[in-house]
Amino acid sequence: MYQRRRYALSVASTAVALFATAVLPAAPVLAAQRQVTCGMTVTANVTLTRNLTCTGPGLIIGANNITINLGGHTITGTGPGTTIGIHAEGRTNLRIHNGTITGFRQAVALYRTRNVVLRGLRITGNAPITSAYAGALYVDESENVDILDSRLIQPEAAQASWVSASSDVRMERVQASGSLTWVTSSDAIVTRSVVTSGSLLFATSTQRASIRHNVLRRASVFTSEVSSVTIADNRFVGPTRVAIGLTITRGPVVERNVVTGAETGLGMDALVSNARIMSNFFADNGYGVHMIEPDLIVDNLLIADNIFAGNHNAGVFLEAARIPRGDTPLTVSRNTFVRNGHRSTDRDSAGRRIDDGIHTNLPVGSLLTISHNRTYVNADHGIEALPAGSVIDGGGNRSTGDPNGCAGVACA
């Protein structure tokens, strides 16, 4: 009996030992993360544990599906200004976040990349590049790139970012200074960001740009050779020369913006077509909307439902010497003009002082229609549309408290 109990106990003990071995394996030995160093090619996710100071390149991304967590640390370049902080070429599904990159020619350079997220970065103090095809943040031939919750700080005339031949590049909740530039790109988005002392430039066959819900302080938005751009719900705070500048632009929509303190709130020149300037508030600018061209090459322009208040010279000033054949309708309608022209310093090419709610100097027979506007206490005329016959009186205009009422159109 004793032998049986002993045998049974031995079998039970062996079974327990085997079970324990199977269920509770030995704790694994964790390999230490490879130390991140300057010039390193990153082929697995890494987290910085210290600052890096590099005399050459910072980090090179050498694989897809990589996350670089800067861990709140700084990568600093001290080289001759020709190096890159973090560089990726031909890679997809990248994440770079949570730290500072400074002192390089280009802090981050992305070439032929897809599905990239840059978040929580501070890109500042990099080489003050003023030439094209370069920027502290450089994105070329890439798609689906998000720049989120970051700071891009460069001198006013320098390139903070340069995006070329790329699609679906989005900036959201970014603080920036310097120039942010898109060329030959599509589906660009800048939203809920603050730009100080610089500009947003969309140029050279860029299509479908959206600039919404931003604050621009001493900063501007310019478009040139662009189609389908929307500039909406932004706040522009001067001083600046031109807050919004449109040239060779098709289908611009400018709506619900507040524009103050610029020499010109919105300026247009050659070859703007299908423009809609609606429901904006232009106050305390030199001009609210301003266009001077030798030829009136503007196709289907609508300026409607805006408020122009306290602009120094005029709320709207349009001037051209000639009307090319094929000119299409232009309309200024349903706007409100209050106390414009009281600090006038300018005259039009005919020598007339520009100190009205609406002031036009166009050739006789232009297709500009002025209708259903309201003018109050402007310095001279509520509407001065001379010479006679140069605009179409669409009716419904009203003048209240303007010393000389209206000229060139009838006002009640």
Protein backbone atom coordinates (compact mmCIF):
# COMPACT_ATOMS: atom_id res chain seq x y z
CA MET A 1 0.00 0.00 0.00
CA TYR A 2 2.78 2.40 0.91
CA GLN A 3 4.52 1.63 -2.38
CA ARG A 4 1.31 2.39 -4.30
CA ARG A 5 0.82 5.71 -2.50
CA ARG A 6 4.42 6.58 -3.10
CA TYR A 7 4.10 5.71 -6.78
CA ALA A 8 0.88 7.69 -7.11
CA LEU A 9 2.42 10.70 -5.39
CA SER A 10 5.41 10.47 -7.68
CA VAL A 11 3.17 10.36 -10.79
CA ALA A 12 1.07 13.28 -9.50
CA SER A 13 4.16 15.33 -8.73
CA THR A 14 5.54 14.64 -12.19
CA ALA A 15 2.23 15.62 -13.80
CA VAL A 16 2.09 18.89 -11.83
CA ALA A 17 5.64 19.67 -12.80
CA LEU A 18 4.93 19.02 -16.47
CA PHE A 19 1.73 21.11 -16.33
CA ALA A 20 3.55 23.94 -14.67
CA THR A 21 6.26 23.76 -17.29
CA ALA A 22 3.70 23.82 -20.13
CA VAL A 23 1.48 26.59 -18.69
CA LEU A 24 4.11 28.78 -17.07
CA PRO A 25 7.06 29.03 -19.44
CA ALA A 26 10.19 30.78 -18.34
CA ALA A 27 10.06 34.60 -18.62
CA PRO A 28 11.47 35.71 -21.99
CA VAL A 29 14.71 37.63 -22.16
CA LEU A 30 13.98 41.01 -23.79
CA ALA A 31 16.60 42.31 -26.20
CA ALA A 32 17.65 45.90 -25.56
CA GLN A 33 16.59 48.37 -28.27
CA ARG A 34 19.43 49.26 -30.55
CA GLN A 35 20.84 52.66 -29.64
CA VAL A 36 19.65 55.34 -32.08
CA THR A 37 22.58 57.24 -33.58
CA CYS A 38 23.14 59.91 -36.22
CA GLY A 39 23.24 58.61 -39.77
CA MET A 40 21.41 55.42 -38.79
CA THR A 41 19.18 53.61 -41.32
CA VAL A 42 16.00 52.77 -39.41
CA THR A 43 14.40 49.41 -40.35
CA ALA A 44 12.30 48.86 -37.20
CA ASN A 45 10.29 51.08 -34.87
CA VAL A 46 12.50 53.22 -32.65
CA THR A 47 12.10 55.60 -29.71
CA LEU A 48 14.77 58.15 -28.88
CA THR A 49 15.98 58.10 -25.31
CA ARG A 50 18.34 61.05 -25.64
CA ASN A 51 19.01 64.10 -27.80
CA LEU A 52 21.10 63.65 -30.96
CA THR A 53 23.59 66.16 -32.34
CA CYS A 54 24.57 65.32 -35.91
CA THR A 55 27.31 66.69 -38.14
CA GLY A 56 25.80 64.89 -41.13
CA PRO A 57 22.43 63.24 -41.82
CA GLY A 58 20.10 62.51 -38.94
CA LEU A 59 17.99 59.38 -39.54
CA ILE A 60 17.23 57.54 -42.79
CA ILE A 61 14.07 55.44 -42.99
CA GLY A 62 14.99 52.18 -44.71
CA ALA A 63 11.76 50.15 -44.54
CA ASN A 64 7.97 50.43 -44.73
CA ASN A 65 5.66 50.48 -41.69
CA ILE A 66 8.07 52.44 -39.49
CA THR A 67 7.36 54.61 -36.45
CA ILE A 68 9.99 57.03 -35.18
CA ASN A 69 9.07 58.37 -31.75
CA LEU A 70 11.39 61.20 -30.83
CA GLY A 71 10.31 60.78 -27.22
CA GLY A 72 10.26 64.52 -26.63
CA HIS A 73 13.91 64.78 -27.61
CA THR A 74 15.73 66.94 -30.18
CA ILE A 75 17.72 66.05 -33.27
CA THR A 76 20.12 68.90 -33.98
CA GLY A 77 22.18 69.38 -37.13
CA THR A 78 25.48 71.19 -36.91
CA GLY A 79 26.75 70.50 -40.43
CA PRO A 80 27.28 72.91 -43.31
CA GLY A 81 23.56 73.23 -44.08
CA THR A 82 23.30 70.47 -46.68
CA THR A 83 22.00 67.63 -44.48
CA ILE A 84 18.55 66.22 -43.73
CA GLY A 85 17.16 65.51 -40.27
CA ILE A 86 14.85 62.59 -41.19
CA HIS A 87 14.76 61.27 -44.77
CA ALA A 88 12.41 58.75 -46.40
CA GLU A 89 12.36 57.74 -50.06
CA GLY A 90 9.96 55.27 -51.62
CA ARG A 91 8.47 54.20 -48.27
CA THR A 92 4.88 53.71 -47.08
CA ASN A 93 3.03 53.77 -43.74
CA LEU A 94 5.37 55.99 -41.75
CA ARG A 95 4.87 57.74 -38.42
CA ILE A 96 7.22 60.43 -37.09
CA HIS A 97 6.18 62.20 -33.92
CA ASN A 98 6.85 63.89 -30.59
CA GLY A 99 10.03 65.92 -30.78
CA THR A 100 12.13 68.73 -32.27
CA ILE A 101 14.25 68.80 -35.43
CA THR A 102 16.51 71.81 -35.81
CA GLY A 103 19.67 73.02 -37.51
CA PHE A 104 19.35 71.10 -40.78
CA ARG A 105 18.88 72.26 -44.35
CA GLN A 106 15.72 70.16 -44.41
CA ALA A 107 14.27 68.89 -41.16
CA VAL A 108 12.08 66.22 -42.82
CA ALA A 109 12.33 65.18 -46.48
CA LEU A 110 9.75 62.81 -47.98
CA TYR A 111 10.24 61.62 -51.56
CA ARG A 112 7.82 59.21 -53.26
CA THR A 113 6.23 58.26 -49.96
CA ARG A 114 2.64 57.22 -49.14
CA ASN A 115 0.54 57.21 -45.99
CA VAL A 116 2.71 59.33 -43.74
CA VAL A 117 1.73 61.00 -40.45
CA LEU A 118 3.88 63.72 -38.88
CA ARG A 119 2.46 64.64 -35.48
CA GLY A 120 3.64 66.71 -32.56
CA LEU A 121 6.82 67.89 -34.28
CA ARG A 122 8.64 71.16 -33.72
CA ILE A 123 10.53 72.03 -36.90
CA THR A 124 12.39 75.25 -36.21
CA GLY A 125 15.77 76.90 -36.65
CA ASN A 126 16.59 75.09 -39.87
CA ALA A 127 18.42 76.69 -42.80
CA PRO A 128 16.52 79.80 -43.98
CA ILE A 129 16.05 78.61 -47.57
CA THR A 130 14.43 81.20 -49.84
CA SER A 131 14.78 79.36 -53.17
CA ALA A 132 12.19 77.07 -54.77
CA TYR A 133 12.23 73.29 -54.54
CA ALA A 134 13.30 73.24 -50.92
CA GLY A 135 11.89 73.81 -47.46
CA ALA A 136 12.37 72.88 -43.83
CA LEU A 137 9.61 70.32 -44.50
CA TYR A 138 9.97 68.91 -48.02
CA VAL A 139 7.37 66.64 -49.65
CA ASP A 140 7.82 65.55 -53.26
CA GLU A 141 5.90 63.01 -55.40
CA SER A 142 4.09 61.76 -52.31
CA GLU A 143 0.48 61.08 -51.39
CA ASN A 144 -1.65 61.01 -48.28
CA VAL A 145 0.64 62.94 -45.94
CA ASP A 146 -0.79 64.41 -42.71
CA ILE A 147 1.04 67.12 -40.74
CA LEU A 148 -0.79 67.43 -37.43
CA ASP A 149 -0.37 69.32 -34.14
CA SER A 150 3.06 70.60 -35.16
CA ARG A 151 5.09 73.79 -35.43
CA LEU A 152 6.88 74.89 -38.62
CA ILE A 153 8.87 78.00 -37.74
CA GLN A 154 11.05 79.78 -40.29
CA PRO A 155 11.87 83.44 -41.05
CA GLU A 156 9.15 85.26 -43.00
CA ALA A 157 10.86 85.03 -46.39
CA ALA A 158 12.07 81.45 -45.96
CA GLN A 159 10.37 78.22 -46.99
CA ALA A 160 8.79 76.52 -43.97
CA SER A 161 7.38 73.80 -46.23
CA TRP A 162 7.54 72.86 -49.90
CA VAL A 163 5.06 70.39 -51.41
CA SER A 164 5.45 69.46 -55.07
CA ALA A 165 3.85 66.88 -57.39
CA SER A 166 1.96 65.44 -54.43
CA SER A 167 -1.65 64.72 -53.54
CA ASP A 168 -3.70 64.69 -50.36
CA VAL A 169 -1.26 66.62 -48.19
CA ARG A 170 -3.10 67.96 -45.15
CA MET A 171 -2.01 70.39 -42.45
CA GLU A 172 -4.23 70.60 -39.38
CA ARG A 173 -3.63 72.38 -36.07
CA VAL A 174 -0.25 73.60 -37.26
CA GLN A 175 1.50 76.75 -36.08
CA ALA A 176 3.66 78.13 -38.85
CA SER A 177 5.72 81.09 -39.96
CA GLY A 178 7.51 81.52 -43.26
CA SER A 179 6.23 80.39 -46.63
CA LEU A 180 4.09 77.24 -47.05
CA THR A 181 4.10 76.34 -50.74
CA TRP A 182 2.26 73.83 -52.95
CA VAL A 183 3.13 73.42 -56.66
CA THR A 184 1.80 70.96 -59.25
CA SER A 185 -0.16 69.24 -56.48
CA SER A 186 -3.76 68.30 -55.81
CA ASP A 187 -6.19 68.04 -52.92
CA ALA A 188 -4.23 70.24 -50.53
CA ILE A 189 -5.83 71.06 -47.17
CA VAL A 190 -4.82 73.61 -44.55
CA THR A 191 -7.26 73.82 -41.65
CA ARG A 192 -7.50 74.97 -38.04
CA SER A 193 -3.97 76.32 -38.16
CA VAL A 194 -2.24 79.60 -37.31
CA VAL A 195 0.16 81.21 -39.78
CA THR A 196 2.18 84.22 -38.65
CA SER A 197 4.40 86.45 -40.81
CA GLY A 198 4.41 84.41 -43.98
CA SER A 199 2.21 83.10 -46.75
CA LEU A 200 0.33 80.16 -48.17
CA LEU A 201 1.15 79.86 -51.87
CA PHE A 202 -0.65 77.53 -54.27
CA ALA A 203 0.81 77.63 -57.77
CA THR A 204 1.66 75.99 -61.07
CA SER A 205 -1.23 73.69 -61.97
CA THR A 206 -2.26 72.93 -58.41
CA GLN A 207 -5.84 71.63 -58.25
CA ARG A 208 -8.42 71.46 -55.48
CA ALA A 209 -6.99 73.35 -52.52
CA SER A 210 -8.97 74.02 -49.34
CA ILE A 211 -7.95 76.69 -46.81
CA ARG A 212 -10.50 76.74 -44.00
CA HIS A 213 -10.85 77.80 -40.37
CA ASN A 214 -7.36 79.27 -40.06
CA VAL A 215 -5.95 82.41 -38.46
CA LEU A 216 -3.42 84.32 -40.55
CA ARG A 217 -1.56 87.11 -38.75
CA ARG A 218 0.54 89.35 -41.00
CA ALA A 219 0.20 86.50 -43.49
CA SER A 220 -1.39 85.98 -46.91
CA VAL A 221 -2.91 83.41 -49.25
CA PHE A 222 -1.81 83.61 -52.91
CA THR A 223 -2.96 81.51 -55.85
CA SER A 224 -1.43 81.43 -59.32
CA GLU A 225 -2.23 78.98 -62.12
CA VAL A 226 -4.60 77.13 -59.80
CA SER A 227 -8.06 75.65 -60.26
CA SER A 228 -10.80 74.96 -57.71
CA VAL A 229 -9.51 76.66 -54.57
CA THR A 230 -11.72 77.38 -51.55
CA ILE A 231 -10.69 80.02 -49.01
CA ALA A 232 -13.37 80.01 -46.32
CA ASP A 233 -14.02 80.80 -42.67
CA ASN A 234 -10.54 82.21 -42.08
CA ARG A 235 -9.47 85.26 -40.13
CA PHE A 236 -6.82 87.53 -41.67
CA VAL A 237 -5.23 90.07 -39.34
CA GLY A 238 -2.84 92.68 -40.76
CA PRO A 239 -0.76 94.53 -41.33
CA THR A 240 0.06 92.90 -44.64
CA ARG A 241 0.23 94.10 -48.22
CA VAL A 242 -2.40 91.72 -49.67
CA ALA A 243 -4.37 89.28 -47.54
CA ILE A 244 -5.77 87.22 -50.44
CA GLY A 245 -4.23 87.42 -53.92
CA LEU A 246 -5.74 85.67 -56.96
CA THR A 247 -4.09 85.48 -60.37
CA ILE A 248 -4.64 83.04 -63.28
CA THR A 249 -7.07 81.16 -61.04
CA ARG A 250 -10.15 79.19 -62.09
CA GLY A 251 -13.08 78.61 -59.81
CA PRO A 252 -11.93 80.33 -56.62
CA VAL A 253 -14.50 80.46 -53.81
CA VAL A 254 -13.76 83.07 -51.14
CA GLU A 255 -16.44 83.09 -48.48
CA ARG A 256 -17.14 83.88 -44.82
CA ASN A 257 -13.67 85.24 -44.14
CA VAL A 258 -12.87 88.18 -41.86
CA VAL A 259 -10.15 90.38 -43.37
CA THR A 260 -8.71 93.36 -41.47
CA GLY A 261 -5.67 95.59 -41.56
CA ALA A 262 -4.34 94.82 -45.06
CA GLU A 263 -3.40 97.32 -47.74
CA THR A 264 -5.69 95.21 -49.96
CA GLY A 265 -8.06 92.67 -48.51
CA LEU A 266 -8.53 90.74 -51.77
CA GLY A 267 -6.58 91.57 -54.88
CA MET A 268 -7.21 90.17 -58.36
CA ASP A 269 -5.33 90.50 -61.59
CA ALA A 270 -5.14 88.62 -64.88
CA LEU A 271 -7.26 85.67 -65.88
CA VAL A 272 -9.43 84.99 -62.87
CA SER A 273 -12.53 83.02 -63.87
CA ASN A 274 -15.69 81.79 -62.17
CA ALA A 275 -14.80 83.55 -58.94
CA ARG A 276 -17.27 83.71 -56.06
CA ILE A 277 -16.49 86.29 -53.37
CA MET A 278 -19.36 85.98 -50.93
CA SER A 279 -20.36 86.66 -47.33
CA ASN A 280 -16.99 88.04 -46.25
CA PHE A 281 -16.31 90.91 -43.84
CA PHE A 282 -13.67 93.40 -45.06
CA ALA A 283 -12.86 96.09 -42.48
CA ASP A 284 -10.12 98.68 -41.97
CA ASN A 285 -8.15 97.73 -45.08
CA GLY A 286 -6.82 100.14 -47.67
CA TYR A 287 -9.22 98.45 -50.12
CA GLY A 288 -11.65 95.65 -49.47
CA VAL A 289 -11.59 94.17 -53.01
CA HIS A 290 -9.20 95.67 -55.54
CA MET A 291 -8.56 94.95 -59.21
CA ILE A 292 -6.53 97.10 -61.61
CA GLU A 293 -5.75 95.62 -65.03
CA PRO A 294 -5.01 97.06 -68.45
CA ASP A 295 -7.50 94.50 -69.83
CA LEU A 296 -10.58 93.37 -67.98
CA ILE A 297 -9.86 89.64 -68.27
CA VAL A 298 -12.15 88.37 -65.54
CA ASP A 299 -14.71 85.72 -66.42
CA ASN A 300 -17.92 85.30 -64.42
CA LEU A 301 -17.05 87.24 -61.28
CA LEU A 302 -19.59 87.48 -58.45
CA ILE A 303 -19.03 89.79 -55.47
CA ALA A 304 -22.13 89.35 -53.29
CA ASP A 305 -23.43 89.46 -49.73
CA ASN A 306 -20.25 90.93 -48.29
CA ILE A 307 -19.86 93.69 -45.71
CA PHE A 308 -17.28 96.42 -46.35
CA ALA A 309 -16.69 98.69 -43.35
CA GLY A 310 -14.17 101.44 -42.70
CA ASN A 311 -11.86 100.63 -45.61
CA HIS A 312 -9.61 103.62 -46.17
CA ASN A 313 -10.14 104.17 -49.91
CA ALA A 314 -13.04 102.04 -51.12
CA GLY A 315 -14.85 98.86 -50.31
CA VAL A 316 -14.64 97.69 -53.95
CA PHE A 317 -12.40 99.29 -56.60
CA LEU A 318 -12.36 97.92 -60.16
CA GLU A 319 -10.40 99.55 -62.96
CA ALA A 320 -9.44 98.49 -66.50
CA ALA A 321 -8.50 100.30 -69.70
CA ARG A 322 -9.91 97.84 -72.24
CA ILE A 323 -12.50 95.07 -72.54
CA PRO A 324 -11.31 92.19 -74.72
CA ARG A 325 -13.83 90.46 -76.95
CA GLY A 326 -15.73 87.66 -75.27
CA ASP A 327 -15.94 89.43 -71.93
CA THR A 328 -18.52 87.71 -69.69
CA PRO A 329 -20.76 89.08 -66.97
CA LEU A 330 -19.42 90.50 -63.74
CA THR A 331 -21.75 91.20 -60.81
CA VAL A 332 -21.51 93.27 -57.64
CA SER A 333 -24.73 92.67 -55.75
CA ARG A 334 -26.37 92.58 -52.31
CA ASN A 335 -23.33 93.99 -50.50
CA THR A 336 -23.30 96.48 -47.63
CA PHE A 337 -20.85 99.41 -47.58
CA VAL A 338 -20.41 101.42 -44.37
CA ARG A 339 -18.06 104.38 -43.78
CA ASN A 340 -15.54 103.60 -46.51
CA GLY A 341 -13.25 106.21 -48.08
CA HIS A 342 -12.74 108.42 -45.02
CA ARG A 343 -8.94 108.02 -45.09
CA SER A 344 -8.49 108.08 -48.86
CA THR A 345 -5.03 108.64 -50.30
CA ASP A 346 -5.49 107.38 -53.89
CA ARG A 347 -6.92 108.49 -57.22
CA ASP A 348 -7.92 106.41 -60.20
CA SER A 349 -6.29 106.75 -63.63
CA ALA A 350 -8.86 109.43 -64.56
CA GLY A 351 -7.78 111.54 -61.57
CA ARG A 352 -10.92 110.93 -59.49
CA ARG A 353 -10.38 110.42 -55.78
CA ILE A 354 -11.15 106.87 -54.65
CA ASP A 355 -13.26 107.48 -51.55
CA ASP A 356 -16.53 105.59 -52.04
CA GLY A 357 -18.31 102.40 -51.15
CA ILE A 358 -17.96 101.12 -54.74
CA HIS A 359 -15.60 102.91 -57.12
CA THR A 360 -15.21 101.76 -60.73
CA ASN A 361 -13.30 103.16 -63.70
CA LEU A 362 -14.14 100.90 -66.64
CA PRO A 363 -14.61 101.37 -70.38
CA VAL A 364 -18.09 102.19 -71.65
CA GLY A 365 -19.95 99.00 -72.45
CA SER A 366 -18.44 96.73 -69.84
CA LEU A 367 -20.66 93.92 -68.61
CA LEU A 368 -20.36 94.77 -64.92
CA THR A 369 -23.78 94.79 -63.27
CA ILE A 370 -24.25 96.66 -59.98
CA SER A 371 -27.47 95.82 -58.16
CA HIS A 372 -29.19 95.69 -54.77
CA ASN A 373 -26.30 97.10 -52.74
CA ARG A 374 -26.74 99.16 -49.54
CA THR A 375 -24.42 102.06 -48.79
CA TYR A 376 -24.18 104.09 -45.58
CA VAL A 377 -22.13 107.20 -44.72
CA ASN A 378 -19.28 106.64 -47.14
CA ALA A 379 -16.96 109.61 -47.63
CA ASP A 380 -18.13 110.69 -51.09
CA HIS A 381 -20.44 108.43 -53.10
CA GLY A 382 -22.06 105.27 -52.03
CA ILE A 383 -21.43 104.08 -55.61
CA GLU A 384 -19.28 105.96 -58.13
CA ALA A 385 -19.42 104.07 -61.46
CA LEU A 386 -17.98 106.43 -64.05
CA PRO A 387 -17.85 107.24 -66.88
CA ALA A 388 -21.56 107.04 -67.56
CA GLY A 389 -22.53 103.86 -69.40
CA SER A 390 -19.55 101.90 -68.16
CA VAL A 391 -21.68 99.60 -65.96
CA ILE A 392 -25.13 98.04 -66.09
CA ASP A 393 -27.53 99.39 -63.50
CA GLY A 394 -29.28 96.29 -62.18
CA GLY A 395 -31.49 98.35 -59.88
CA GLY A 396 -32.27 98.07 -56.21
CA ASN A 397 -29.27 100.05 -54.96
CA ARG A 398 -29.81 102.30 -51.94
CA SER A 399 -27.72 105.13 -50.52
CA THR A 400 -28.10 106.50 -46.99
CA GLY A 401 -25.93 109.30 -45.60
CA ASP A 402 -23.46 109.33 -48.52
CA PRO A 403 -22.79 113.04 -49.28
CA ASN A 404 -23.04 112.62 -53.04
CA GLY A 405 -25.34 109.64 -53.29
CA CYS A 406 -24.57 107.51 -56.35
CA ALA A 407 -23.10 108.25 -59.78
CA GLY A 408 -23.43 106.02 -62.82
CA VAL A 409 -26.28 104.03 -61.27
CA ALA A 410 -29.52 105.12 -59.65
CA CYS A 411 -29.86 104.77 -55.88
CA ALA A 412 -32.98 105.15 -53.82
